[in-house]
Every structure is written in C-alpha cells, then in structure tokens.
Amino acid sequence: MEPTYDKDGCPTDETLKSITEWPADDPAGWLTFCRDSWDEFYGKVRWDLLPGCLIHAEFITGGWSSNEVVVSAMRKNFMLWSRCWVSSHRGGLDIFEEPGK
C-alpha cells in the first residue's frame, strides 16, 4: 500500500485513515507508511536500524501542516502509538521505536 496525496501534496483522507486504522501487529509497516506519507521538503524523518533490526525513527514536522496531520493520525492509533512512541519534544519532534520482538 502506498500513501496518496491531494492536489496540494497533502496526505489524503484515505492515507490518514490508513495510519489511524493500521493493524496493531505491524509496527514496522506503520512506521514505514508514516515515513512515506511525510513531506520532507519542509520536515524530516531520521531513520535508523538498531541492533536486531529494530527501527528508530525521528519525525520532525517543521511546523508544516501536512506533517502535523500525519502525527495527529498517528496519535489516533492508540495501540501503535502506545507501543512505538518514545518521546515528543517542543518544535515538532516525535521519536518512535519499533518494539522488541
């Protein structure tokens, strides 16, 4: 599945719904889909693989509304947010890690 965008380059409602309803047993897929939905022209995603192939992802919104709506959709997926969220910081930085297996 690939994210879709409207004519202005913002994630569509379907993309945001996918983020919100992503299955709880696929944290790596969720983080990857969220990364692929990100507008890196204004924001940034730092993506690293930790030992054991766990994902460490830093989503930086840059204050850009199309990135802010992705974070809002991520927050609505309570199970994956709870499992993957590490911290949030002033300035639009949210850090996530794929939970250990």
N, C-alpha and C. Protein backbone atom coordinates (compact mmCIF):
# COMPACT_ATOMS: atom_id res chain seq x y z
N MET A 1 0.85 -1.16 0.00
CA MET A 1 0.00 0.00 0.00
C MET A 1 0.90 1.24 0.00
N GLU A 2 0.52 2.21 -0.80
CA GLU A 2 1.26 3.46 -0.91
C GLU A 2 0.38 4.62 -0.45
N PRO A 3 0.95 5.62 0.22
CA PRO A 3 0.17 6.81 0.58
C PRO A 3 -0.26 7.57 -0.67
N THR A 4 -1.38 8.26 -0.57
CA THR A 4 -1.86 9.12 -1.66
C THR A 4 -1.93 10.55 -1.16
N TYR A 5 -1.89 11.48 -2.11
CA TYR A 5 -1.83 12.90 -1.79
C TYR A 5 -2.86 13.66 -2.60
N ASP A 6 -3.32 14.78 -2.05
CA ASP A 6 -4.24 15.64 -2.79
C ASP A 6 -3.45 16.54 -3.74
N LYS A 7 -4.15 17.43 -4.44
CA LYS A 7 -3.51 18.28 -5.45
C LYS A 7 -2.48 19.24 -4.85
N ASP A 8 -2.57 19.49 -3.54
CA ASP A 8 -1.61 20.37 -2.86
C ASP A 8 -0.44 19.60 -2.25
N GLY A 9 -0.45 18.29 -2.41
CA GLY A 9 0.64 17.47 -1.87
C GLY A 9 0.44 17.02 -0.43
N CYS A 10 -0.75 17.25 0.12
CA CYS A 10 -1.05 16.82 1.49
C CYS A 10 -1.61 15.40 1.46
N PRO A 11 -1.35 14.61 2.51
CA PRO A 11 -1.91 13.26 2.55
C PRO A 11 -3.44 13.30 2.46
N THR A 12 -4.01 12.38 1.69
CA THR A 12 -5.46 12.31 1.54
C THR A 12 -6.10 11.74 2.81
N ASP A 13 -7.41 11.90 2.88
CA ASP A 13 -8.16 11.32 4.00
C ASP A 13 -7.97 9.81 4.06
N GLU A 14 -7.85 9.16 2.89
CA GLU A 14 -7.65 7.71 2.86
C GLU A 14 -6.29 7.34 3.49
N THR A 15 -5.26 8.14 3.20
CA THR A 15 -3.94 7.89 3.79
C THR A 15 -4.00 8.06 5.30
N LEU A 16 -4.63 9.12 5.76
CA LEU A 16 -4.73 9.38 7.20
C LEU A 16 -5.55 8.29 7.89
N LYS A 17 -6.60 7.81 7.22
CA LYS A 17 -7.41 6.73 7.77
C LYS A 17 -6.59 5.45 7.89
N SER A 18 -5.74 5.19 6.90
CA SER A 18 -4.87 4.00 6.96
C SER A 18 -3.94 4.07 8.15
N ILE A 19 -3.38 5.25 8.41
CA ILE A 19 -2.49 5.43 9.56
C ILE A 19 -3.25 5.18 10.86
N THR A 20 -4.45 5.74 10.95
CA THR A 20 -5.27 5.62 12.15
C THR A 20 -5.72 4.18 12.40
N GLU A 21 -5.99 3.44 11.33
CA GLU A 21 -6.55 2.09 11.46
C GLU A 21 -5.54 0.99 11.19
N TRP A 22 -4.26 1.33 11.10
CA TRP A 22 -3.23 0.32 10.81
C TRP A 22 -3.26 -0.78 11.86
N PRO A 23 -3.10 -2.05 11.46
CA PRO A 23 -3.16 -3.16 12.42
C PRO A 23 -2.06 -3.08 13.48
N ALA A 24 -2.44 -3.34 14.70
CA ALA A 24 -1.53 -3.22 15.85
C ALA A 24 -0.37 -4.21 15.79
N ASP A 25 -0.50 -5.27 15.01
CA ASP A 25 0.57 -6.28 14.95
C ASP A 25 1.61 -5.99 13.87
N ASP A 26 1.59 -4.77 13.30
CA ASP A 26 2.54 -4.41 12.25
C ASP A 26 3.18 -3.04 12.50
N PRO A 27 3.93 -2.90 13.61
CA PRO A 27 4.53 -1.60 13.90
C PRO A 27 5.55 -1.15 12.85
N ALA A 28 6.31 -2.08 12.29
CA ALA A 28 7.31 -1.69 11.28
C ALA A 28 6.62 -1.17 10.02
N GLY A 29 5.55 -1.82 9.60
CA GLY A 29 4.79 -1.36 8.44
C GLY A 29 4.17 0.00 8.68
N TRP A 30 3.66 0.21 9.90
CA TRP A 30 3.04 1.50 10.27
C TRP A 30 4.07 2.62 10.21
N LEU A 31 5.22 2.41 10.84
CA LEU A 31 6.26 3.44 10.83
C LEU A 31 6.73 3.72 9.41
N THR A 32 6.87 2.68 8.60
CA THR A 32 7.30 2.86 7.21
C THR A 32 6.26 3.65 6.42
N PHE A 33 4.98 3.32 6.57
CA PHE A 33 3.91 4.03 5.87
C PHE A 33 3.86 5.49 6.31
N CYS A 34 4.03 5.74 7.60
CA CYS A 34 4.05 7.13 8.09
C CYS A 34 5.24 7.88 7.51
N ARG A 35 6.39 7.24 7.45
CA ARG A 35 7.57 7.86 6.84
C ARG A 35 7.30 8.20 5.38
N ASP A 36 6.67 7.28 4.67
CA ASP A 36 6.38 7.50 3.26
C ASP A 36 5.32 8.57 3.04
N SER A 37 4.53 8.87 4.07
CA SER A 37 3.49 9.90 3.99
C SER A 37 4.04 11.29 4.31
N TRP A 38 5.26 11.37 4.77
CA TRP A 38 5.87 12.60 5.28
C TRP A 38 6.31 13.52 4.15
N ASP A 39 6.15 14.82 4.35
CA ASP A 39 6.65 15.83 3.41
C ASP A 39 8.03 16.26 3.89
N GLU A 40 9.07 15.72 3.27
CA GLU A 40 10.43 16.02 3.70
C GLU A 40 10.99 17.31 3.09
N PHE A 41 10.18 17.99 2.27
CA PHE A 41 10.63 19.29 1.78
C PHE A 41 10.63 20.30 2.93
N TYR A 42 9.65 20.17 3.82
CA TYR A 42 9.54 21.09 4.97
C TYR A 42 9.95 20.45 6.28
N GLY A 43 9.78 19.15 6.39
CA GLY A 43 10.15 18.44 7.61
C GLY A 43 11.23 17.42 7.30
N LYS A 44 11.43 16.51 8.22
CA LYS A 44 12.47 15.50 8.02
C LYS A 44 12.11 14.25 8.82
N VAL A 45 12.57 13.13 8.32
CA VAL A 45 12.49 11.87 9.07
C VAL A 45 13.91 11.32 9.15
N ARG A 46 14.37 11.10 10.37
CA ARG A 46 15.64 10.41 10.59
C ARG A 46 15.30 8.96 10.87
N TRP A 47 15.92 8.06 10.14
CA TRP A 47 15.54 6.65 10.16
C TRP A 47 16.79 5.81 10.35
N ASP A 48 16.81 5.04 11.40
CA ASP A 48 17.95 4.18 11.68
C ASP A 48 17.46 2.79 12.05
N LEU A 49 18.28 1.80 11.74
CA LEU A 49 18.02 0.45 12.21
C LEU A 49 18.93 0.19 13.39
N LEU A 50 18.34 -0.18 14.51
CA LEU A 50 19.09 -0.51 15.71
C LEU A 50 19.50 -1.98 15.66
N PRO A 51 20.45 -2.39 16.48
CA PRO A 51 20.83 -3.81 16.51
C PRO A 51 19.60 -4.70 16.68
N GLY A 52 19.55 -5.75 15.92
CA GLY A 52 18.39 -6.63 15.95
C GLY A 52 17.33 -6.20 14.95
N CYS A 53 17.67 -5.25 14.06
CA CYS A 53 16.77 -4.76 13.00
C CYS A 53 15.53 -4.04 13.55
N LEU A 54 15.66 -3.38 14.66
CA LEU A 54 14.57 -2.56 15.18
C LEU A 54 14.69 -1.16 14.59
N ILE A 55 13.57 -0.54 14.31
CA ILE A 55 13.53 0.79 13.71
C ILE A 55 13.57 1.85 14.80
N HIS A 56 14.39 2.86 14.60
CA HIS A 56 14.39 4.08 15.41
C HIS A 56 14.07 5.20 14.42
N ALA A 57 12.95 5.91 14.65
CA ALA A 57 12.51 6.94 13.71
C ALA A 57 12.25 8.24 14.45
N GLU A 58 12.78 9.33 13.90
CA GLU A 58 12.54 10.66 14.43
C GLU A 58 11.79 11.46 13.37
N PHE A 59 10.55 11.80 13.66
CA PHE A 59 9.70 12.56 12.75
C PHE A 59 9.74 14.03 13.18
N ILE A 60 10.20 14.90 12.29
CA ILE A 60 10.31 16.33 12.56
C ILE A 60 9.35 17.04 11.62
N THR A 61 8.33 17.70 12.17
CA THR A 61 7.28 18.28 11.33
C THR A 61 7.70 19.54 10.59
N GLY A 62 8.64 20.28 11.15
CA GLY A 62 8.98 21.57 10.56
C GLY A 62 7.82 22.54 10.64
N GLY A 63 6.82 22.22 11.47
CA GLY A 63 5.64 23.07 11.60
C GLY A 63 4.71 23.00 10.41
N TRP A 64 5.01 22.13 9.45
CA TRP A 64 4.24 22.04 8.22
C TRP A 64 2.95 21.26 8.47
N SER A 65 1.82 21.84 8.03
CA SER A 65 0.51 21.26 8.33
C SER A 65 0.35 19.85 7.79
N SER A 66 0.90 19.53 6.62
CA SER A 66 0.72 18.17 6.09
C SER A 66 1.47 17.15 6.93
N ASN A 67 2.53 17.56 7.63
CA ASN A 67 3.20 16.65 8.56
C ASN A 67 2.48 16.59 9.90
N GLU A 68 1.93 17.71 10.32
CA GLU A 68 1.18 17.75 11.58
C GLU A 68 -0.04 16.83 11.52
N VAL A 69 -0.71 16.75 10.35
CA VAL A 69 -1.88 15.88 10.26
C VAL A 69 -1.47 14.40 10.30
N VAL A 70 -0.27 14.08 9.82
CA VAL A 70 0.21 12.71 9.92
C VAL A 70 0.43 12.34 11.39
N VAL A 71 1.05 13.24 12.15
CA VAL A 71 1.26 12.98 13.58
C VAL A 71 -0.09 12.85 14.29
N SER A 72 -1.05 13.70 13.94
CA SER A 72 -2.38 13.60 14.55
C SER A 72 -3.02 12.25 14.26
N ALA A 73 -2.87 11.77 13.04
CA ALA A 73 -3.41 10.45 12.69
C ALA A 73 -2.68 9.35 13.46
N MET A 74 -1.37 9.51 13.61
CA MET A 74 -0.59 8.52 14.37
C MET A 74 -1.09 8.46 15.81
N ARG A 75 -1.36 9.60 16.42
CA ARG A 75 -1.85 9.64 17.81
C ARG A 75 -3.19 8.92 17.96
N LYS A 76 -4.01 8.94 16.91
CA LYS A 76 -5.33 8.30 16.97
C LYS A 76 -5.24 6.78 16.92
N ASN A 77 -4.10 6.26 16.48
CA ASN A 77 -3.91 4.81 16.51
C ASN A 77 -3.29 4.47 17.87
N PHE A 78 -4.16 4.36 18.85
CA PHE A 78 -3.73 4.25 20.24
C PHE A 78 -2.77 3.08 20.47
N MET A 79 -3.07 1.93 19.88
CA MET A 79 -2.25 0.75 20.14
C MET A 79 -0.82 0.93 19.62
N LEU A 80 -0.68 1.39 18.37
CA LEU A 80 0.66 1.54 17.81
C LEU A 80 1.39 2.73 18.41
N TRP A 81 0.66 3.82 18.66
CA TRP A 81 1.31 4.97 19.32
C TRP A 81 1.86 4.53 20.68
N SER A 82 1.06 3.80 21.43
CA SER A 82 1.47 3.35 22.76
C SER A 82 2.66 2.40 22.70
N ARG A 83 2.69 1.56 21.70
CA ARG A 83 3.77 0.57 21.57
C ARG A 83 5.07 1.18 21.04
N CYS A 84 4.97 2.19 20.19
CA CYS A 84 6.16 2.69 19.47
C CYS A 84 6.66 4.05 19.96
N TRP A 85 5.79 4.84 20.56
CA TRP A 85 6.18 6.21 20.94
C TRP A 85 7.24 6.19 22.04
N VAL A 86 8.27 7.01 21.85
CA VAL A 86 9.33 7.15 22.85
C VAL A 86 9.23 8.51 23.52
N SER A 87 9.14 9.58 22.73
CA SER A 87 9.07 10.92 23.32
C SER A 87 8.63 11.93 22.27
N SER A 88 8.14 13.06 22.77
CA SER A 88 7.77 14.21 21.94
C SER A 88 8.46 15.43 22.50
N HIS A 89 8.87 16.32 21.61
CA HIS A 89 9.65 17.49 22.02
C HIS A 89 9.12 18.75 21.36
N ARG A 90 9.29 19.85 22.06
CA ARG A 90 8.90 21.15 21.52
C ARG A 90 9.59 21.36 20.18
N GLY A 91 8.88 21.95 19.26
CA GLY A 91 9.43 22.20 17.93
C GLY A 91 9.03 21.15 16.91
N GLY A 92 8.17 20.20 17.30
CA GLY A 92 7.65 19.24 16.34
C GLY A 92 8.50 18.01 16.13
N LEU A 93 9.12 17.49 17.18
CA LEU A 93 9.91 16.27 17.08
C LEU A 93 9.21 15.16 17.87
N ASP A 94 8.91 14.06 17.18
CA ASP A 94 8.35 12.88 17.83
C ASP A 94 9.26 11.70 17.50
N ILE A 95 9.62 10.95 18.53
CA ILE A 95 10.55 9.83 18.37
C ILE A 95 9.81 8.52 18.64
N PHE A 96 10.05 7.55 17.76
CA PHE A 96 9.41 6.25 17.84
C PHE A 96 10.45 5.16 17.66
N GLU A 97 10.16 4.00 18.25
CA GLU A 97 10.97 2.81 18.02
C GLU A 97 10.04 1.62 17.86
N GLU A 98 10.41 0.77 16.93
CA GLU A 98 9.69 -0.48 16.78
C GLU A 98 9.91 -1.29 18.05
N PRO A 99 8.84 -1.80 18.66
CA PRO A 99 9.03 -2.56 19.90
C PRO A 99 9.82 -3.84 19.66
N GLY A 100 10.55 -4.28 20.68
CA GLY A 100 11.34 -5.51 20.59
C GLY A 100 10.48 -6.71 20.30
N LYS A 101 11.08 -7.66 19.67
CA LYS A 101 10.31 -8.87 19.28
C LYS A 101 10.41 -9.94 20.33
